[in-house]
Amino acid sequence: MALIMLAVIGFVVGYRLEMTRPGYVAMALTTIGCSIGQIIHLLVTKSRGAMTMLPLVAGLVLVLFMFLGAVTRLIIRSRTNAA
């Protein structure tokens, strides 16, 4: 459920920011933040059984849907301008 919510949030943010400079910065900061979160999680975890890839997966889902939202907006804009 959490990944679905991250996907929806990512899509809305990507659709809103589109392929602009703030959109690229948001995607880059999300990617860097989730990667840093994964590294910190691995360093802090004491038990090998408690290690998880969830921060990395959450970041991937968020950035992927941000990109899909931005591309969707570009496609919609190009179709409305062509008509």
PDB file of N, CA and C in Angstrom:
ATOM      1  N   MET A   1       0.823  -1.192   0.000  1.00  0.00           N
ATOM      2  CA  MET A   1       0.000   0.000   0.000  1.00  0.00           C
ATOM      3  C   MET A   1       0.869   1.259   0.000  1.00  0.00           C
ATOM      4  N   ALA A   2       1.960   1.180   0.762  1.00  0.00           N
ATOM      5  CA  ALA A   2       2.850   2.341   0.830  1.00  0.00           C
ATOM      6  C   ALA A   2       3.502   2.616  -0.528  1.00  0.00           C
ATOM      7  N   LEU A   3       3.862   1.556  -1.247  1.00  0.00           N
ATOM      8  CA  LEU A   3       4.474   1.761  -2.563  1.00  0.00           C
ATOM      9  C   LEU A   3       3.471   2.339  -3.560  1.00  0.00           C
ATOM     10  N   ILE A   4       2.210   1.963  -3.431  1.00  0.00           N
ATOM     11  CA  ILE A   4       1.177   2.533  -4.306  1.00  0.00           C
ATOM     12  C   ILE A   4       1.017   4.025  -4.014  1.00  0.00           C
ATOM     13  N   MET A   5       1.033   4.375  -2.733  1.00  0.00           N
ATOM     14  CA  MET A   5       0.923   5.796  -2.376  1.00  0.00           C
ATOM     15  C   MET A   5       2.141   6.573  -2.874  1.00  0.00           C
ATOM     16  N   LEU A   6       3.332   5.981  -2.771  1.00  0.00           N
ATOM     17  CA  LEU A   6       4.531   6.639  -3.302  1.00  0.00           C
ATOM     18  C   LEU A   6       4.433   6.799  -4.814  1.00  0.00           C
ATOM     19  N   ALA A   7       3.878   5.802  -5.486  1.00  0.00           N
ATOM     20  CA  ALA A   7       3.712   5.891  -6.938  1.00  0.00           C
ATOM     21  C   ALA A   7       2.765   7.027  -7.305  1.00  0.00           C
ATOM     22  N   VAL A   8       1.657   7.147  -6.592  1.00  0.00           N
ATOM     23  CA  VAL A   8       0.698   8.225  -6.871  1.00  0.00           C
ATOM     24  C   VAL A   8       1.322   9.590  -6.584  1.00  0.00           C
ATOM     25  N   ILE A   9       2.006   9.707  -5.455  1.00  0.00           N
ATOM     26  CA  ILE A   9       2.668  10.978  -5.118  1.00  0.00           C
ATOM     27  C   ILE A   9       3.712  11.322  -6.168  1.00  0.00           C
ATOM     28  N   GLY A  10       4.508  10.342  -6.577  1.00  0.00           N
ATOM     29  CA  GLY A  10       5.513  10.574  -7.608  1.00  0.00           C
ATOM     30  C   GLY A  10       4.910  11.015  -8.921  1.00  0.00           C
ATOM     31  N   PHE A  11       3.808  10.378  -9.315  1.00  0.00           N
ATOM     32  CA  PHE A  11       3.152  10.741 -10.571  1.00  0.00           C
ATOM     33  C   PHE A  11       2.625  12.174 -10.517  1.00  0.00           C
ATOM     34  N   VAL A  12       1.997  12.533  -9.405  1.00  0.00           N
ATOM     35  CA  VAL A  12       1.442  13.884  -9.273  1.00  0.00           C
ATOM     36  C   VAL A  12       2.561  14.929  -9.276  1.00  0.00           C
ATOM     37  N   VAL A  13       3.630  14.662  -8.545  1.00  0.00           N
ATOM     38  CA  VAL A  13       4.754  15.616  -8.515  1.00  0.00           C
ATOM     39  C   VAL A  13       5.385  15.728  -9.894  1.00  0.00           C
ATOM     40  N   GLY A  14       5.589  14.603 -10.565  1.00  0.00           N
ATOM     41  CA  GLY A  14       6.163  14.630 -11.911  1.00  0.00           C
ATOM     42  C   GLY A  14       5.270  15.349 -12.898  1.00  0.00           C
ATOM     43  N   TYR A  15       3.975  15.116 -12.800  1.00  0.00           N
ATOM     44  CA  TYR A  15       3.025  15.777 -13.699  1.00  0.00           C
ATOM     45  C   TYR A  15       3.023  17.281 -13.455  1.00  0.00           C
ATOM     46  N   ARG A  16       3.119  17.655 -12.198  1.00  0.00           N
ATOM     47  CA  ARG A  16       3.079  19.076 -11.825  1.00  0.00           C
ATOM     48  C   ARG A  16       4.357  19.810 -12.238  1.00  0.00           C
ATOM     49  N   LEU A  17       5.519  19.178 -12.006  1.00  0.00           N
ATOM     50  CA  LEU A  17       6.795  19.850 -12.289  1.00  0.00           C
ATOM     51  C   LEU A  17       7.234  19.710 -13.741  1.00  0.00           C
ATOM     52  N   GLU A  18       6.742  18.700 -14.419  1.00  0.00           N
ATOM     53  CA  GLU A  18       7.036  18.446 -15.818  1.00  0.00           C
ATOM     54  C   GLU A  18       8.539  18.314 -16.033  1.00  0.00           C
ATOM     55  N   MET A  19       9.022  18.547 -17.239  1.00  0.00           N
ATOM     56  CA  MET A  19      10.449  18.454 -17.558  1.00  0.00           C
ATOM     57  C   MET A  19      11.093  19.835 -17.473  1.00  0.00           C
ATOM     58  N   THR A  20      10.991  20.437 -16.318  1.00  0.00           N
ATOM     59  CA  THR A  20      11.597  21.739 -16.085  1.00  0.00           C
ATOM     60  C   THR A  20      12.797  21.560 -15.163  1.00  0.00           C
ATOM     61  N   ARG A  21      13.517  22.636 -14.944  1.00  0.00           N
ATOM     62  CA  ARG A  21      14.675  22.568 -14.060  1.00  0.00           C
ATOM     63  C   ARG A  21      14.288  22.118 -12.648  1.00  0.00           C
ATOM     64  N   PRO A  22      13.215  22.671 -12.056  1.00  0.00           N
ATOM     65  CA  PRO A  22      12.824  22.160 -10.730  1.00  0.00           C
ATOM     66  C   PRO A  22      12.430  20.677 -10.755  1.00  0.00           C
ATOM     67  N   GLY A  23      11.874  20.224 -11.856  1.00  0.00           N
ATOM     68  CA  GLY A  23      11.521  18.806 -11.973  1.00  0.00           C
ATOM     69  C   GLY A  23      12.750  17.917 -11.974  1.00  0.00           C
ATOM     70  N   TYR A  24      13.770  18.311 -12.739  1.00  0.00           N
ATOM     71  CA  TYR A  24      15.015  17.551 -12.757  1.00  0.00           C
ATOM     72  C   TYR A  24      15.695  17.571 -11.394  1.00  0.00           C
ATOM     73  N   VAL A  25      15.676  18.724 -10.732  1.00  0.00           N
ATOM     74  CA  VAL A  25      16.292  18.827  -9.405  1.00  0.00           C
ATOM     75  C   VAL A  25      15.543  17.942  -8.404  1.00  0.00           C
ATOM     76  N   ALA A  26      14.220  17.931  -8.471  1.00  0.00           N
ATOM     77  CA  ALA A  26      13.436  17.098  -7.552  1.00  0.00           C
ATOM     78  C   ALA A  26      13.741  15.618  -7.761  1.00  0.00           C
ATOM     79  N   MET A  27      13.840  15.193  -9.021  1.00  0.00           N
ATOM     80  CA  MET A  27      14.171  13.796  -9.297  1.00  0.00           C
ATOM     81  C   MET A  27      15.576  13.450  -8.810  1.00  0.00           C
ATOM     82  N   ALA A  28      16.519  14.334  -9.049  1.00  0.00           N
ATOM     83  CA  ALA A  28      17.891  14.077  -8.623  1.00  0.00           C
ATOM     84  C   ALA A  28      18.005  14.024  -7.105  1.00  0.00           C
ATOM     85  N   LEU A  29      17.373  14.966  -6.410  1.00  0.00           N
ATOM     86  CA  LEU A  29      17.437  14.970  -4.949  1.00  0.00           C
ATOM     87  C   LEU A  29      16.734  13.757  -4.350  1.00  0.00           C
ATOM     88  N   THR A  30      15.650  13.328  -4.963  1.00  0.00           N
ATOM     89  CA  THR A  30      14.965  12.124  -4.486  1.00  0.00           C
ATOM     90  C   THR A  30      15.858  10.904  -4.647  1.00  0.00           C
ATOM     91  N   THR A  31      16.514  10.793  -5.781  1.00  0.00           N
ATOM     92  CA  THR A  31      17.413   9.665  -6.023  1.00  0.00           C
ATOM     93  C   THR A  31      18.575   9.661  -5.040  1.00  0.00           C
ATOM     94  N   ILE A  32      19.203  10.802  -4.864  1.00  0.00           N
ATOM     95  CA  ILE A  32      20.342  10.898  -3.946  1.00  0.00           C
ATOM     96  C   ILE A  32      19.899  10.640  -2.508  1.00  0.00           C
ATOM     97  N   GLY A  33      18.769  11.212  -2.113  1.00  0.00           N
ATOM     98  CA  GLY A  33      18.276  11.028  -0.751  1.00  0.00           C
ATOM     99  C   GLY A  33      17.960   9.576  -0.433  1.00  0.00           C
ATOM    100  N   CYS A  34      17.328   8.888  -1.353  1.00  0.00           N
ATOM    101  CA  CYS A  34      16.986   7.479  -1.112  1.00  0.00           C
ATOM    102  C   CYS A  34      18.242   6.605  -1.105  1.00  0.00           C
ATOM    103  N   SER A  35      19.209   6.920  -1.929  1.00  0.00           N
ATOM    104  CA  SER A  35      20.463   6.164  -1.921  1.00  0.00           C
ATOM    105  C   SER A  35      21.217   6.375  -0.611  1.00  0.00           C
ATOM    106  N   ILE A  36      21.259   7.600  -0.147  1.00  0.00           N
ATOM    107  CA  ILE A  36      21.897   7.887   1.142  1.00  0.00           C
ATOM    108  C   ILE A  36      21.130   7.200   2.269  1.00  0.00           C
ATOM    109  N   GLY A  37      19.815   7.208   2.199  1.00  0.00           N
ATOM    110  CA  GLY A  37      19.003   6.509   3.193  1.00  0.00           C
ATOM    111  C   GLY A  37      19.301   5.018   3.224  1.00  0.00           C
ATOM    112  N   GLN A  38      19.511   4.416   2.050  1.00  0.00           N
ATOM    113  CA  GLN A  38      19.850   2.996   1.976  1.00  0.00           C
ATOM    114  C   GLN A  38      21.210   2.729   2.612  1.00  0.00           C
ATOM    115  N   ILE A  39      22.185   3.557   2.341  1.00  0.00           N
ATOM    116  CA  ILE A  39      23.523   3.381   2.916  1.00  0.00           C
ATOM    117  C   ILE A  39      23.479   3.535   4.430  1.00  0.00           C
ATOM    118  N   ILE A  40      22.787   4.549   4.910  1.00  0.00           N
ATOM    119  CA  ILE A  40      22.670   4.752   6.361  1.00  0.00           C
ATOM    120  C   ILE A  40      21.949   3.571   7.002  1.00  0.00           C
ATOM    121  N   HIS A  41      20.902   3.095   6.359  1.00  0.00           N
ATOM    122  CA  HIS A  41      20.164   1.946   6.881  1.00  0.00           C
ATOM    123  C   HIS A  41      21.084   0.726   7.000  1.00  0.00           C
ATOM    124  N   LEU A  42      21.915   0.498   6.000  1.00  0.00           N
ATOM    125  CA  LEU A  42      22.825  -0.644   6.039  1.00  0.00           C
ATOM    126  C   LEU A  42      23.899  -0.480   7.115  1.00  0.00           C
ATOM    127  N   LEU A  43      24.352   0.753   7.352  1.00  0.00           N
ATOM    128  CA  LEU A  43      25.374   0.985   8.368  1.00  0.00           C
ATOM    129  C   LEU A  43      24.822   0.891   9.786  1.00  0.00           C
ATOM    130  N   VAL A  44      23.570   1.269   9.982  1.00  0.00           N
ATOM    131  CA  VAL A  44      22.967   1.297  11.317  1.00  0.00           C
ATOM    132  C   VAL A  44      22.449  -0.076  11.734  1.00  0.00           C
ATOM    133  N   THR A  45      22.034  -0.889  10.773  1.00  0.00           N
ATOM    134  CA  THR A  45      21.437  -2.185  11.078  1.00  0.00           C
ATOM    135  C   THR A  45      22.462  -3.104  11.721  1.00  0.00           C
ATOM    136  N   LYS A  46      22.086  -3.686  12.844  1.00  0.00           N
ATOM    137  CA  LYS A  46      22.990  -4.565  13.579  1.00  0.00           C
ATOM    138  C   LYS A  46      22.846  -6.023  13.144  1.00  0.00           C
ATOM    139  N   SER A  47      21.661  -6.433  12.786  1.00  0.00           N
ATOM    140  CA  SER A  47      21.407  -7.816  12.403  1.00  0.00           C
ATOM    141  C   SER A  47      21.304  -7.917  10.884  1.00  0.00           C
ATOM    142  N   ARG A  48      21.936  -8.906  10.327  1.00  0.00           N
ATOM    143  CA  ARG A  48      21.866  -9.099   8.879  1.00  0.00           C
ATOM    144  C   ARG A  48      20.450  -9.461   8.427  1.00  0.00           C
ATOM    145  N   GLY A  49      19.681 -10.070   9.312  1.00  0.00           N
ATOM    146  CA  GLY A  49      18.311 -10.433   8.983  1.00  0.00           C
ATOM    147  C   GLY A  49      17.379  -9.234   8.900  1.00  0.00           C
ATOM    148  N   ALA A  50      17.777  -8.116   9.526  1.00  0.00           N
ATOM    149  CA  ALA A  50      16.935  -6.916   9.516  1.00  0.00           C
ATOM    150  C   ALA A  50      17.228  -5.999   8.335  1.00  0.00           C
ATOM    151  N   MET A  51      18.245  -6.338   7.540  1.00  0.00           N
ATOM    152  CA  MET A  51      18.577  -5.496   6.382  1.00  0.00           C
ATOM    153  C   MET A  51      17.521  -5.657   5.307  1.00  0.00           C
ATOM    154  N   THR A  52      17.165  -4.560   4.700  1.00  0.00           N
ATOM    155  CA  THR A  52      16.129  -4.570   3.670  1.00  0.00           C
ATOM    156  C   THR A  52      16.503  -3.585   2.572  1.00  0.00           C
ATOM    157  N   MET A  53      15.936  -3.789   1.417  1.00  0.00           N
ATOM    158  CA  MET A  53      16.170  -2.896   0.278  1.00  0.00           C
ATOM    159  C   MET A  53      15.020  -1.905   0.127  1.00  0.00           C
ATOM    160  N   LEU A  54      14.181  -1.782   1.143  1.00  0.00           N
ATOM    161  CA  LEU A  54      12.990  -0.940   1.043  1.00  0.00           C
ATOM    162  C   LEU A  54      13.294   0.523   0.726  1.00  0.00           C
ATOM    163  N   PRO A  55      14.296   1.173   1.349  1.00  0.00           N
ATOM    164  CA  PRO A  55      14.559   2.573   0.959  1.00  0.00           C
ATOM    165  C   PRO A  55      14.927   2.715  -0.518  1.00  0.00           C
ATOM    166  N   LEU A  56      15.673   1.755  -1.033  1.00  0.00           N
ATOM    167  CA  LEU A  56      16.063   1.810  -2.440  1.00  0.00           C
ATOM    168  C   LEU A  56      14.865   1.566  -3.362  1.00  0.00           C
ATOM    169  N   VAL A  57      14.021   0.615  -3.008  1.00  0.00           N
ATOM    170  CA  VAL A  57      12.828   0.325  -3.806  1.00  0.00           C
ATOM    171  C   VAL A  57      11.852   1.492  -3.764  1.00  0.00           C
ATOM    172  N   ALA A  58      11.670   2.080  -2.585  1.00  0.00           N
ATOM    173  CA  ALA A  58      10.764   3.226  -2.460  1.00  0.00           C
ATOM    174  C   ALA A  58      11.263   4.394  -3.310  1.00  0.00           C
ATOM    175  N   GLY A  59      12.547   4.649  -3.277  1.00  0.00           N
ATOM    176  CA  GLY A  59      13.109   5.720  -4.104  1.00  0.00           C
ATOM    177  C   GLY A  59      12.962   5.442  -5.585  1.00  0.00           C
ATOM    178  N   LEU A  60      13.180   4.200  -5.974  1.00  0.00           N
ATOM    179  CA  LEU A  60      13.034   3.826  -7.380  1.00  0.00           C
ATOM    180  C   LEU A  60      11.604   4.022  -7.857  1.00  0.00           C
ATOM    181  N   VAL A  61      10.636   3.585  -7.062  1.00  0.00           N
ATOM    182  CA  VAL A  61       9.219   3.743  -7.426  1.00  0.00           C
ATOM    183  C   VAL A  61       8.865   5.225  -7.524  1.00  0.00           C
ATOM    184  N   LEU A  62       9.318   6.003  -6.553  1.00  0.00           N
ATOM    185  CA  LEU A  62       9.011   7.433  -6.545  1.00  0.00           C
ATOM    186  C   LEU A  62       9.585   8.131  -7.773  1.00  0.00           C
ATOM    187  N   VAL A  63      10.843   7.894  -8.076  1.00  0.00           N
ATOM    188  CA  VAL A  63      11.485   8.554  -9.229  1.00  0.00           C
ATOM    189  C   VAL A  63      10.899   8.052 -10.537  1.00  0.00           C
ATOM    190  N   LEU A  64      10.627   6.762 -10.637  1.00  0.00           N
ATOM    191  CA  LEU A  64      10.049   6.216 -11.867  1.00  0.00           C
ATOM    192  C   LEU A  64       8.694   6.853 -12.173  1.00  0.00           C
ATOM    193  N   PHE A  65       7.852   6.990 -11.158  1.00  0.00           N
ATOM    194  CA  PHE A  65       6.540   7.577 -11.396  1.00  0.00           C
ATOM    195  C   PHE A  65       6.612   9.097 -11.554  1.00  0.00           C
ATOM    196  N   MET A  66       7.632   9.736 -10.982  1.00  0.00           N
ATOM    197  CA  MET A  66       7.841  11.164 -11.272  1.00  0.00           C
ATOM    198  C   MET A  66       8.156  11.332 -12.751  1.00  0.00           C
ATOM    199  N   PHE A  67       8.996  10.456 -13.278  1.00  0.00           N
ATOM    200  CA  PHE A  67       9.341  10.512 -14.697  1.00  0.00           C
ATOM    201  C   PHE A  67       8.127  10.218 -15.573  1.00  0.00           C
ATOM    202  N   LEU A  68       7.341   9.202 -15.200  1.00  0.00           N
ATOM    203  CA  LEU A  68       6.144   8.878 -15.985  1.00  0.00           C
ATOM    204  C   LEU A  68       5.127  10.023 -15.971  1.00  0.00           C
ATOM    205  N   GLY A  69       4.986  10.688 -14.832  1.00  0.00           N
ATOM    206  CA  GLY A  69       4.086  11.834 -14.757  1.00  0.00           C
ATOM    207  C   GLY A  69       4.545  12.973 -15.652  1.00  0.00           C
ATOM    208  N   ALA A  70       5.855  13.221 -15.658  1.00  0.00           N
ATOM    209  CA  ALA A  70       6.392  14.293 -16.502  1.00  0.00           C
ATOM    210  C   ALA A  70       6.221  13.968 -17.979  1.00  0.00           C
ATOM    211  N   VAL A  71       6.467  12.722 -18.360  1.00  0.00           N
ATOM    212  CA  VAL A  71       6.306  12.321 -19.760  1.00  0.00           C
ATOM    213  C   VAL A  71       4.837  12.369 -20.162  1.00  0.00           C
ATOM    214  N   THR A  72       3.954  11.979 -19.279  1.00  0.00           N
ATOM    215  CA  THR A  72       2.516  12.048 -19.567  1.00  0.00           C
ATOM    216  C   THR A  72       2.093  13.484 -19.844  1.00  0.00           C
ATOM    217  N   ARG A  73       2.598  14.412 -19.039  1.00  0.00           N
ATOM    218  CA  ARG A  73       2.241  15.819 -19.257  1.00  0.00           C
ATOM    219  C   ARG A  73       2.779  16.324 -20.595  1.00  0.00           C
ATOM    220  N   LEU A  74       3.999  15.900 -20.942  1.00  0.00           N
ATOM    221  CA  LEU A  74       4.549  16.300 -22.244  1.00  0.00           C
ATOM    222  C   LEU A  74       3.707  15.760 -23.395  1.00  0.00           C
ATOM    223  N   ILE A  75       3.275  14.511 -23.280  1.00  0.00           N
ATOM    224  CA  ILE A  75       2.459  13.916 -24.340  1.00  0.00           C
ATOM    225  C   ILE A  75       1.118  14.622 -24.461  1.00  0.00           C
ATOM    226  N   ILE A  76       0.490  14.912 -23.325  1.00  0.00           N
ATOM    227  CA  ILE A  76      -0.792  15.613 -23.356  1.00  0.00           C
ATOM    228  C   ILE A  76      -0.620  17.008 -23.947  1.00  0.00           C
ATOM    229  N   ARG A  77       0.447  17.709 -23.565  1.00  0.00           N
ATOM    230  CA  ARG A  77       0.687  19.058 -24.088  1.00  0.00           C
ATOM    231  C   ARG A  77       0.947  19.034 -25.584  1.00  0.00           C
ATOM    232  N   SER A  78       1.723  18.041 -26.075  1.00  0.00           N
ATOM    233  CA  SER A  78       2.015  18.000 -27.501  1.00  0.00           C
ATOM    234  C   SER A  78       0.767  17.656 -28.326  1.00  0.00           C
ATOM    235  N   ARG A  79      -0.113  16.834 -27.775  1.00  0.00           N
ATOM    236  CA  ARG A  79      -1.347  16.506 -28.502  1.00  0.00           C
ATOM    237  C   ARG A  79      -2.323  17.668 -28.531  1.00  0.00           C
ATOM    238  N   THR A  80      -2.368  18.464 -27.468  1.00  0.00           N
ATOM    239  CA  THR A  80      -3.283  19.612 -27.468  1.00  0.00           C
ATOM    240  C   THR A  80      -2.745  20.738 -28.363  1.00  0.00           C
ATOM    241  N   ASN A  81      -1.417  20.858 -28.458  1.00  0.00           N
ATOM    242  CA  ASN A  81      -0.838  21.883 -29.325  1.00  0.00           C
ATOM    243  C   ASN A  81      -0.955  21.485 -30.802  1.00  0.00           C
ATOM    244  N   ALA A  82      -0.950  20.201 -31.093  1.00  0.00           N
ATOM    245  CA  ALA A  82      -1.054  19.735 -32.479  1.00  0.00           C
ATOM    246  C   ALA A  82      -2.468  19.911 -33.013  1.00  0.00           C
ATOM    247  N   ALA A  83      -3.444  19.885 -32.151  1.00  0.00           N
ATOM    248  CA  ALA A  83      -4.846  19.957 -32.600  1.00  0.00           C
ATOM    249  C   ALA A  83      -5.273  21.363 -32.952  1.00  0.00           C
TER     250      ALA A  83
END
